[in-house]
Amino acid sequence: MNIDRIKIIFFDIDGTLIDMNRKQISEKTLETLIRLKEKNIILCLSTGRSPQTLPHFDGWEADAFLTFNGSYCYNRQQIIYKNPIPVEEVKKIVQNAALINRPVSVASTDTLAANGTDADLAQYFAFAKLEVNVSDDFQDIIEKKEIYQIMSGGREREYPDLLKDVRHAKIAAWWDRAVDIIPADSGKGTGVNKILDYYHLNRAQALAFGDGNNDIEMFQAVGTGIAMENASDSLKAVASDVCGHVAADGVYHYCVSHGLL
């Protein structure tokens, strides 16, 4: 990796910047973000989270945001890319989930609404310090708002049932008890490409840090992908390198040892 060529860095949030147990960013990791920004490197949060559930880090703001696993990308000036799930597909997924007794939460850019909850969905939301919002307006929201992502509890064996007869959506999962369902032609890799095009950068100028299987496409879209020590084996298999554990400030120590700070 040529450090001088790095102009943009994509950061997954949960399990990469934020320890899933402590549920907050460490002082060293926050220092890393602040110092990287001082070097005029474009910093992008790349996450399955919605815009409204992004964490606030004191003293630092990202330059760009890749949310809903790449289905909605923007910066402070404008929307860079958006790709909602077709409404008929949303209805079909909701129906499929109900048949296997799985409540779901749908997400627009400004609304999270669920038709129920279960232990897996509740724990999934708790990772982001959120509670599942069971809404009486659930059906109306599906009809009237653009839905970019659907969250549901679900093990891998349930994936075929959730997506039965669904052509325009796919599963992006980073936890083995829940899923994010996003447009079939979306994903973090798509979002990365849209953001690189916007800033007139190429993949060799891009670095990414991640820990989950939903980061695989992101790593494939950048020149250098760094997996956390706590990352999935599948992500490590496609990574350029592995850094330390999120709980041990892996991003910070990698950036120091490789001359980024």
Protein backbone atom coordinates (compact mmCIF):
# COMPACT_ATOMS: atom_id res chain seq x y z
CA MET A 1 0.00 0.00 0.00
CA ASN A 2 1.32 3.42 -0.99
CA ILE A 3 0.32 5.67 1.92
CA ASP A 4 0.79 8.83 -0.12
CA ARG A 5 -1.87 7.65 -2.58
CA ILE A 6 -4.62 7.22 0.04
CA LYS A 7 -7.16 10.02 -0.40
CA ILE A 8 -10.29 8.43 1.10
CA ILE A 9 -10.98 5.93 3.89
CA PHE A 10 -14.25 4.05 4.43
CA PHE A 11 -15.08 2.96 7.99
CA ASP A 12 -17.67 0.43 9.01
CA ILE A 13 -19.12 1.44 12.39
CA ASP A 14 -20.27 -1.47 14.56
CA GLY A 15 -17.40 -3.81 15.37
CA THR A 16 -14.90 -1.51 13.64
CA LEU A 17 -15.12 1.99 15.13
CA ILE A 18 -17.42 0.99 17.99
CA ASP A 19 -16.82 -2.01 20.23
CA MET A 20 -20.06 -4.02 20.31
CA ASN A 21 -19.68 -4.62 24.05
CA ARG A 22 -18.85 -1.06 25.14
CA LYS A 23 -21.18 0.43 22.48
CA GLN A 24 -19.07 3.56 22.20
CA ILE A 25 -15.99 4.76 20.38
CA SER A 26 -12.70 4.70 22.30
CA GLU A 27 -10.57 7.79 22.83
CA LYS A 28 -7.79 6.39 20.63
CA THR A 29 -10.13 5.55 17.76
CA LEU A 30 -11.73 8.99 17.92
CA GLU A 31 -8.25 10.54 17.96
CA THR A 32 -7.49 8.56 14.81
CA LEU A 33 -10.50 10.04 12.98
CA ILE A 34 -9.65 13.58 14.07
CA ARG A 35 -6.00 13.29 13.02
CA LEU A 36 -6.84 11.70 9.67
CA LYS A 37 -9.24 14.53 8.90
CA GLU A 38 -6.51 17.05 9.71
CA LYS A 39 -4.47 15.41 6.94
CA ASN A 40 -7.27 16.19 4.47
CA ILE A 41 -8.14 12.55 3.85
CA ILE A 42 -11.83 12.16 2.96
CA LEU A 43 -13.47 10.05 5.66
CA CYS A 44 -16.67 8.13 4.98
CA LEU A 45 -18.86 6.16 7.38
CA SER A 46 -19.94 2.96 5.62
CA THR A 47 -22.71 1.18 7.48
CA GLY A 48 -25.93 -0.76 7.46
CA ARG A 49 -27.39 1.90 9.74
CA SER A 50 -29.90 4.48 8.60
CA PRO A 51 -29.00 8.20 8.48
CA GLN A 52 -31.06 8.87 11.59
CA THR A 53 -29.25 6.23 13.67
CA LEU A 54 -25.68 7.29 12.89
CA PRO A 55 -23.63 7.91 16.04
CA HIS A 56 -22.36 11.36 16.95
CA PHE A 57 -18.64 11.56 17.73
CA ASP A 58 -17.57 14.61 19.76
CA GLY A 59 -15.18 16.84 17.84
CA TRP A 60 -15.44 14.96 14.53
CA GLU A 61 -17.78 14.74 11.58
CA ALA A 62 -17.53 12.45 8.58
CA ASP A 63 -17.18 13.94 5.11
CA ALA A 64 -19.50 11.41 3.46
CA PHE A 65 -22.00 8.77 4.49
CA LEU A 66 -22.72 5.39 2.94
CA THR A 67 -25.86 4.19 4.73
CA PHE A 68 -28.30 1.29 4.38
CA ASN A 69 -25.37 -0.84 3.14
CA GLY A 70 -24.88 1.44 0.14
CA SER A 71 -28.50 2.13 -0.81
CA TYR A 72 -28.39 5.77 0.30
CA CYS A 73 -25.14 7.75 0.03
CA TYR A 74 -24.68 11.47 0.66
CA ASN A 75 -22.44 14.20 1.99
CA ARG A 76 -23.11 17.61 3.55
CA GLN A 77 -23.92 19.10 0.16
CA GLN A 78 -26.10 16.58 -1.63
CA ILE A 79 -27.45 13.07 -2.13
CA ILE A 80 -24.82 11.14 -4.07
CA TYR A 81 -26.85 7.97 -4.71
CA LYS A 82 -30.18 6.50 -3.69
CA ASN A 83 -31.76 3.15 -4.50
CA PRO A 84 -34.96 2.20 -2.63
CA ILE A 85 -36.52 -1.27 -2.66
CA PRO A 86 -39.56 -1.44 -5.01
CA VAL A 87 -42.74 -1.15 -2.96
CA GLU A 88 -44.21 -4.44 -4.22
CA GLU A 89 -41.02 -6.21 -3.15
CA VAL A 90 -41.24 -4.60 0.29
CA LYS A 91 -44.77 -5.97 0.69
CA LYS A 92 -43.67 -9.43 -0.43
CA ILE A 93 -40.78 -9.52 2.04
CA VAL A 94 -43.07 -8.42 4.87
CA GLN A 95 -45.48 -11.22 3.89
CA ASN A 96 -42.69 -13.80 3.68
CA ALA A 97 -41.40 -12.81 7.11
CA ALA A 98 -44.86 -13.11 8.64
CA LEU A 99 -45.15 -16.67 7.31
CA ILE A 100 -42.11 -17.68 9.41
CA ASN A 101 -43.23 -15.57 12.39
CA ARG A 102 -40.61 -12.89 11.92
CA PRO A 103 -41.60 -9.26 12.57
CA VAL A 104 -39.70 -6.71 10.49
CA SER A 105 -38.67 -3.07 10.72
CA VAL A 106 -38.64 -0.96 7.56
CA ALA A 107 -36.38 2.06 7.15
CA SER A 108 -36.77 5.22 5.13
CA THR A 109 -34.33 8.10 5.43
CA ASP A 110 -36.30 9.59 8.33
CA THR A 111 -38.42 6.75 9.75
CA LEU A 112 -37.94 3.39 11.39
CA ALA A 113 -41.18 1.46 11.82
CA ALA A 114 -41.86 -2.16 12.76
CA ASN A 115 -44.90 -4.40 12.66
CA GLY A 116 -43.77 -6.17 15.83
CA THR A 117 -40.62 -7.36 17.55
CA ASP A 118 -38.87 -10.48 18.79
CA ALA A 119 -35.73 -11.20 20.79
CA ASP A 120 -33.40 -11.20 17.79
CA LEU A 121 -34.72 -7.95 16.31
CA ALA A 122 -34.66 -6.26 19.71
CA GLN A 123 -31.03 -7.27 20.31
CA TYR A 124 -30.10 -6.15 16.79
CA PHE A 125 -31.45 -2.67 17.51
CA ALA A 126 -29.83 -2.64 20.95
CA PHE A 127 -26.38 -2.79 19.30
CA ALA A 128 -27.11 0.77 18.10
CA LYS A 129 -28.66 1.75 21.45
CA LEU A 130 -32.12 1.76 19.89
CA GLU A 131 -35.47 0.20 20.66
CA VAL A 132 -37.71 -1.32 18.01
CA ASN A 133 -40.44 1.18 17.11
CA VAL A 134 -43.65 -0.83 16.66
CA SER A 135 -45.90 1.51 14.68
CA ASP A 136 -49.63 1.56 14.03
CA ASP A 137 -48.76 3.37 10.78
CA PHE A 138 -46.54 0.54 9.50
CA GLN A 139 -48.66 -0.25 6.43
CA ASP A 140 -49.12 3.41 5.57
CA ILE A 141 -45.35 4.01 5.79
CA ILE A 142 -44.71 1.17 3.34
CA GLU A 143 -47.16 2.70 0.89
CA LYS A 144 -46.01 6.32 1.12
CA LYS A 145 -42.27 6.34 1.89
CA GLU A 146 -39.24 5.11 0.00
CA ILE A 147 -37.93 2.06 1.87
CA TYR A 148 -34.19 1.51 1.62
CA GLN A 149 -33.74 -1.37 4.03
CA ILE A 150 -35.73 -3.99 5.92
CA MET A 151 -34.40 -5.44 9.18
CA SER A 152 -35.48 -8.80 10.55
CA GLY A 153 -34.32 -11.42 12.94
CA GLY A 154 -33.19 -14.46 11.00
CA ARG A 155 -30.67 -17.28 10.88
CA GLU A 156 -29.02 -18.33 7.62
CA ARG A 157 -31.44 -21.25 7.23
CA GLU A 158 -34.30 -18.71 7.08
CA TYR A 159 -32.84 -16.63 4.24
CA PRO A 160 -34.57 -18.57 1.42
CA ASP A 161 -37.96 -18.15 3.11
CA LEU A 162 -37.46 -14.42 3.62
CA LEU A 163 -36.59 -13.92 -0.05
CA LYS A 164 -39.04 -16.38 -1.61
CA ASP A 165 -40.28 -14.99 -4.96
CA VAL A 166 -38.32 -11.77 -4.38
CA ARG A 167 -36.26 -10.67 -7.41
CA HIS A 168 -35.08 -7.18 -6.57
CA ALA A 169 -33.70 -7.51 -3.04
CA LYS A 170 -30.93 -9.41 -1.28
CA ILE A 171 -29.63 -10.05 2.22
CA ALA A 172 -26.62 -8.25 3.69
CA ALA A 173 -25.78 -9.74 7.09
CA TRP A 174 -23.06 -8.97 9.60
CA TRP A 175 -24.62 -10.81 12.59
CA ASP A 176 -25.77 -14.43 12.60
CA ARG A 177 -29.16 -13.70 14.21
CA ALA A 178 -30.48 -10.89 12.01
CA VAL A 179 -30.45 -9.55 8.47
CA ASP A 180 -30.54 -6.32 6.52
CA ILE A 181 -32.51 -6.70 3.30
CA ILE A 182 -31.44 -4.23 0.63
CA PRO A 183 -31.94 -3.74 -3.15
CA ALA A 184 -30.42 -6.57 -5.19
CA ASP A 185 -28.30 -4.16 -7.20
CA SER A 186 -27.01 -2.36 -4.14
CA GLY A 187 -24.47 -3.14 -1.40
CA LYS A 188 -21.48 -1.42 0.14
CA GLY A 189 -19.43 -2.04 -3.00
CA THR A 190 -21.96 -0.15 -5.11
CA GLY A 191 -21.98 2.71 -2.61
CA VAL A 192 -18.18 2.88 -2.56
CA ASN A 193 -18.08 3.10 -6.34
CA LYS A 194 -20.65 5.91 -6.39
CA ILE A 195 -18.71 7.88 -3.79
CA LEU A 196 -15.38 7.36 -5.54
CA ASP A 197 -16.94 8.60 -8.79
CA TYR A 198 -18.33 11.65 -7.02
CA TYR A 199 -14.91 12.62 -5.66
CA HIS A 200 -13.11 11.67 -8.92
CA LEU A 201 -11.00 9.06 -7.15
CA ASN A 202 -10.00 5.53 -8.12
CA ARG A 203 -9.92 2.37 -6.04
CA ALA A 204 -6.13 2.53 -5.56
CA GLN A 205 -6.66 5.76 -3.60
CA ALA A 206 -9.22 4.12 -1.27
CA LEU A 207 -8.74 2.24 2.01
CA ALA A 208 -11.46 0.56 4.08
CA PHE A 209 -11.79 -0.93 7.56
CA GLY A 210 -14.50 -3.48 8.40
CA ASP A 211 -15.46 -6.57 10.35
CA GLY A 212 -18.59 -8.18 8.87
CA ASN A 213 -19.65 -10.12 5.80
CA ASN A 214 -21.52 -7.04 4.56
CA ASP A 215 -18.08 -5.44 4.21
CA ILE A 216 -16.88 -8.00 1.64
CA GLU A 217 -18.20 -5.99 -1.32
CA MET A 218 -16.65 -2.84 0.15
CA PHE A 219 -13.22 -4.52 0.31
CA GLN A 220 -13.60 -5.68 -3.27
CA ALA A 221 -14.29 -2.09 -4.38
CA VAL A 222 -11.24 -0.45 -2.73
CA GLY A 223 -7.53 -0.88 -3.26
CA THR A 224 -6.84 -1.88 0.35
CA GLY A 225 -9.26 -3.56 2.75
CA ILE A 226 -8.26 -4.00 6.39
CA ALA A 227 -10.18 -6.53 8.47
CA MET A 228 -10.43 -6.21 12.23
CA GLU A 229 -9.03 -9.04 14.35
CA ASN A 230 -12.65 -9.61 15.42
CA ALA A 231 -13.82 -9.79 11.78
CA SER A 232 -15.54 -12.78 10.20
CA ASP A 233 -13.36 -15.42 8.56
CA SER A 234 -15.04 -14.67 5.22
CA LEU A 235 -14.01 -11.02 5.38
CA LYS A 236 -10.47 -11.86 6.44
CA ALA A 237 -10.22 -14.13 3.41
CA VAL A 238 -10.65 -11.18 1.02
CA ALA A 239 -8.79 -8.59 3.12
CA SER A 240 -5.45 -7.05 2.20
CA ASP A 241 -4.39 -7.14 5.84
CA VAL A 242 -5.70 -7.67 9.37
CA CYS A 243 -5.37 -5.13 12.18
CA GLY A 244 -5.97 -5.47 15.92
CA HIS A 245 -9.25 -6.06 17.72
CA VAL A 246 -11.75 -3.21 17.95
CA ALA A 247 -11.54 -3.45 21.76
CA ALA A 248 -7.76 -2.94 21.50
CA ASP A 249 -7.91 0.15 19.23
CA GLY A 250 -7.00 -1.85 16.15
CA VAL A 251 -7.71 1.00 13.70
CA TYR A 252 -5.50 3.41 15.65
CA HIS A 253 -2.52 1.06 15.89
CA TYR A 254 -2.78 0.12 12.21
CA CYS A 255 -2.79 3.76 11.14
CA VAL A 256 0.21 4.56 13.36
CA SER A 257 2.26 1.56 12.25
CA HIS A 258 1.58 2.21 8.55
CA GLY A 259 2.35 5.91 8.58
CA LEU A 260 -1.19 7.22 8.18
CA LEU A 261 -0.86 9.20 11.42
